Protein backbone atom coordinates (compact mmCIF):
# COMPACT_ATOMS: atom_id res chain seq x y z
CA MET A 1 92.87 -66.44 107.07
CA PRO A 2 90.07 -68.01 109.18
CA LEU A 3 90.48 -71.58 110.20
CA ILE A 4 88.09 -74.24 108.87
CA PRO A 5 86.04 -75.75 111.70
CA GLU A 6 87.02 -79.25 112.48
CA GLU A 7 84.74 -82.07 111.47
CA PRO A 8 82.54 -83.16 114.35
CA GLN A 9 83.83 -86.25 116.08
CA ILE A 10 81.20 -88.91 115.79
CA HIS A 11 81.09 -91.24 118.78
CA GLU A 12 81.02 -94.88 118.11
CA SER A 13 77.57 -95.14 119.65
CA ALA A 14 76.26 -92.64 117.09
CA GLN A 15 76.79 -95.08 114.29
CA GLY A 16 73.58 -96.80 115.11
CA PRO A 17 72.56 -99.48 117.57
CA ARG A 18 74.81 -102.48 117.92
CA ALA A 19 73.70 -105.77 116.56
CA THR A 20 71.79 -107.86 119.02
CA PRO A 21 74.14 -110.46 120.46
CA ALA A 22 73.36 -114.05 119.94
CA SER A 23 72.33 -114.37 123.59
CA GLY A 24 69.22 -112.29 122.77
CA ARG A 25 70.08 -109.30 125.03
CA THR A 26 68.76 -105.94 123.95
CA ALA A 27 71.40 -103.51 122.79
CA PRO A 28 71.88 -100.40 124.96
CA THR A 29 70.10 -97.21 123.97
CA PRO A 30 72.33 -95.18 121.63
CA ARG A 31 73.77 -92.01 123.08
CA PRO A 32 72.97 -88.63 121.44
CA VAL A 33 75.33 -87.47 118.77
CA PRO A 34 77.48 -84.58 120.07
CA GLY A 35 77.18 -81.32 118.16
CA PRO A 36 79.99 -79.73 116.19
CA ARG A 37 82.79 -78.07 118.08
CA PRO A 38 82.94 -74.25 118.02
CA ALA A 39 85.28 -72.74 115.50
CA ALA A 40 88.77 -72.08 116.75
CA PRO A 41 89.52 -68.40 117.46
CA SER A 42 91.56 -66.46 114.94
CA ARG A 43 95.25 -66.21 115.52
CA PRO A 44 96.57 -62.99 117.04
CA GLY A 45 97.60 -60.51 114.37
CA ARG A 46 95.52 -62.19 111.67
CA PRO A 47 91.92 -61.29 112.42
CA GLY A 48 89.20 -62.72 110.26
CA PRO A 49 87.17 -60.54 107.92
CA PRO A 50 85.03 -58.02 109.85
CA ARG A 51 81.36 -58.71 109.99
CA PRO A 52 79.47 -56.09 107.99
CA ALA A 53 77.22 -53.83 110.03
CA PRO A 54 73.51 -54.20 109.38
CA PRO A 55 72.03 -51.47 107.19
CA VAL A 56 70.49 -48.52 108.99
CA GLN A 57 66.74 -48.54 108.80
CA ARG A 58 65.61 -45.02 107.96
CA THR A 59 62.13 -43.80 108.44
CA PRO A 60 60.59 -41.35 105.93
CA ARG A 61 61.12 -38.60 108.49
CA ASP A 62 64.82 -39.41 108.78
CA VAL A 63 65.19 -39.36 105.00
CA ALA A 64 63.57 -35.97 104.82
CA GLN A 65 65.93 -34.63 107.48
CA ALA A 66 68.97 -36.09 105.71
CA LYS A 67 68.36 -34.06 102.58
CA PRO A 68 70.88 -31.21 102.18
CA ALA A 69 69.54 -27.76 102.79
CA PRO A 70 69.04 -25.71 99.64
CA SER A 71 71.91 -23.41 98.90
CA GLY A 72 71.28 -19.71 99.28
CA PRO A 73 73.01 -16.45 100.04
CA ALA A 74 75.10 -16.50 103.18
CA ALA A 75 73.80 -14.63 106.17
CA PRO A 76 75.22 -11.12 106.29
CA ALA A 77 78.01 -10.66 108.76
CA ALA A 78 77.47 -8.44 111.71
CA ALA A 79 78.07 -4.84 110.89
CA ALA A 80 81.54 -3.76 111.84
CA ALA A 81 81.84 -1.20 114.59
CA GLY A 82 82.46 2.35 113.45
CA PRO A 83 85.68 4.26 114.11
CA GLN A 84 86.56 5.60 117.52
CA ILE A 85 85.80 9.33 117.73
CA GLN A 86 88.08 11.74 119.58
CA LEU A 87 87.21 15.42 120.06
CA ILE A 88 89.85 18.12 120.51
CA PRO A 89 88.33 21.47 121.53
CA ALA A 90 89.69 24.33 119.45
CA SER A 91 88.56 27.62 118.00
CA ALA A 92 88.19 28.05 114.25
CA GLU A 93 91.51 29.92 114.25
CA GLY A 94 93.32 27.22 116.23
CA ALA A 95 91.71 24.12 114.70
CA LEU A 96 94.39 23.68 112.03
CA ASP A 97 97.19 23.89 114.59
CA ALA A 98 95.37 21.39 116.79
CA ALA A 99 95.07 19.04 113.81
CA GLU A 100 98.80 19.40 113.14
CA GLU A 101 99.58 18.48 116.74
CA ALA A 102 97.29 15.47 116.50
CA VAL A 103 99.07 14.29 113.36
CA ASP A 104 102.48 14.67 115.04
CA LEU A 105 101.30 12.57 117.99
CA LEU A 106 99.96 9.91 115.64
CA LEU A 107 103.27 9.65 113.79
CA GLU A 108 105.23 9.59 117.04
CA SER A 109 103.04 6.76 118.32
CA GLY A 110 103.95 4.62 115.30
CA ARG A 111 101.28 5.44 112.74
CA ALA A 112 102.53 5.40 109.17
CA PRO A 113 102.14 8.74 107.34
CA GLY A 114 100.08 7.02 104.66
CA ASP A 115 97.50 6.03 107.30
CA VAL A 116 96.40 9.62 107.89
CA LEU A 117 93.99 11.85 105.98
CA VAL A 118 93.42 15.46 107.09
CA ILE A 119 90.28 17.35 106.02
CA THR A 120 89.92 21.10 106.43
CA THR A 121 86.67 23.07 106.21
CA GLY A 122 88.16 26.56 105.85
CA SER A 123 91.47 27.60 104.37
CA GLN A 124 93.52 24.81 102.89
CA HIS A 125 96.55 23.35 104.59
CA PRO A 126 99.82 24.86 103.27
CA TRP A 127 100.91 21.44 101.97
CA ALA A 128 97.76 21.14 99.86
CA GLU A 129 98.21 24.65 98.50
CA HIS A 130 101.79 23.86 97.56
CA GLU A 131 100.98 20.56 95.82
CA LEU A 132 98.02 22.04 93.95
CA SER A 133 100.34 24.65 92.50
CA PHE A 134 101.79 21.84 90.36
CA GLY A 135 98.34 20.86 89.11
CA GLU A 136 95.55 18.59 90.29
CA ALA A 137 97.01 15.57 88.51
CA SER A 138 100.20 15.80 90.55
CA TYR A 139 98.22 16.52 93.71
CA TRP A 140 95.98 13.44 93.41
CA ALA A 141 98.91 11.31 92.35
CA GLN A 142 100.31 11.95 95.83
CA HIS A 143 97.02 10.72 97.25
CA ASP A 144 97.03 7.57 95.14
CA ALA A 145 100.62 6.77 96.12
CA GLY A 146 99.55 6.71 99.79
CA ASP A 147 103.08 7.33 101.04
CA ASP A 148 102.45 10.45 103.11
CA VAL A 149 99.82 12.34 105.10
CA PHE A 150 97.28 13.70 102.66
CA TYR A 151 95.53 17.05 103.18
CA ALA A 152 92.27 17.79 101.40
CA ASP A 153 89.68 20.51 101.45
CA ALA A 154 86.20 19.39 102.50
CA ALA A 155 84.86 20.41 99.09
CA VAL A 156 86.96 17.76 97.34
CA ALA A 157 87.47 15.26 100.17
CA SER A 158 84.80 12.95 98.75
CA ARG A 159 87.37 11.94 96.15
CA ALA A 160 89.78 10.79 98.84
CA ALA A 161 89.92 7.09 99.68
CA SER A 162 89.45 5.65 103.16
CA ARG A 163 92.38 5.63 105.57
CA PRO A 164 92.75 4.21 109.06
CA VAL A 165 92.81 7.67 110.67
CA VAL A 166 90.99 10.82 109.56
CA VAL A 167 91.61 14.19 111.22
CA VAL A 168 89.12 17.00 110.66
CA ALA A 169 90.01 20.64 111.28
CA LEU A 170 86.86 22.80 111.57
CA ASN A 171 88.83 25.92 110.71
CA GLY A 172 86.01 28.04 109.32
CA GLY A 173 84.27 27.90 106.00
CA PRO A 174 80.53 27.96 105.29
CA ALA A 175 78.06 27.38 108.11
CA THR A 176 77.16 24.00 106.62
CA ALA A 177 80.79 22.88 106.23
CA ALA A 178 80.87 20.89 109.47
CA ALA A 179 77.52 19.25 108.74
CA SER A 180 78.84 17.88 105.44
CA ALA A 181 82.49 17.29 106.38
CA LEU A 182 81.92 15.22 109.52
CA PRO A 183 79.69 12.51 107.98
CA LEU A 184 82.13 12.26 105.09
CA ALA A 185 85.10 11.98 107.43
CA HIS A 186 83.28 9.36 109.48
CA SER A 187 82.74 7.24 106.38
CA ARG A 188 86.41 7.51 105.40
CA ALA A 189 87.88 6.69 108.83
CA GLY A 190 88.72 3.04 109.32
CA ALA A 191 89.76 3.05 113.00
CA LEU A 192 89.95 6.59 114.40
CA LEU A 193 88.26 9.93 113.70
CA ILE A 194 89.75 13.01 115.34
CA VAL A 195 87.78 16.26 115.16
CA CYS A 196 89.36 19.58 116.09
CA GLY A 197 86.92 22.45 116.58
CA ASP A 198 84.05 23.86 118.60
CA PRO A 199 82.73 21.06 120.90
CA GLN A 200 79.14 22.35 120.75
CA GLN A 201 79.17 22.37 116.96
CA ILE A 202 80.80 18.94 116.79
CA ASN A 203 78.36 17.38 119.25
CA SER A 204 75.37 18.78 117.41
CA VAL A 205 76.53 17.09 114.21
CA LEU A 206 77.73 13.84 115.79
CA GLY A 207 74.54 13.54 117.81
CA ALA A 208 72.49 13.85 114.62
CA GLY A 209 73.55 10.38 113.51
CA VAL A 210 77.23 10.40 112.58
């Protein structure tokens, strides 16, 4: 609590000139009245109320700049980098075996089986043939479960969902199979795309914008 300033001490001379003595001598000139003493400082630990800061004077320009920006759609994030592409040279006859070796290496390196999708352009992988013998519903149920490596023919691979790793075996098929399978595989691969086949054929497709 702030202290109340003390009352100013009025000197005796400030009470007006003294009466003229009987001898007729002039009274001395009165001294000036001393001003009030400064207020005593606040006690430690009990500061007085803070003095409010003066209001900020804003110019019209400052007011215009202080207005919030109108809300709008957020800026699009930078496009994510595409998957890494790895080429394994192989003939049409050996492309499926090369893809199998690539899958084995992926699993040995710690990849989960459900991370891998294998696409073939020619004859189907034996696993796909076996599962399709139980019907397409059972076959695609295996895909939806995502618990194991999934093998799909290029003709139906568009139905397959994206996976971190996609392996493509260019093991024959129509002349246009690679041109359609590689862009599809590229769009389904999250981190890595492995292509097993003729390097010249692969490069011609990849260089066309994959």
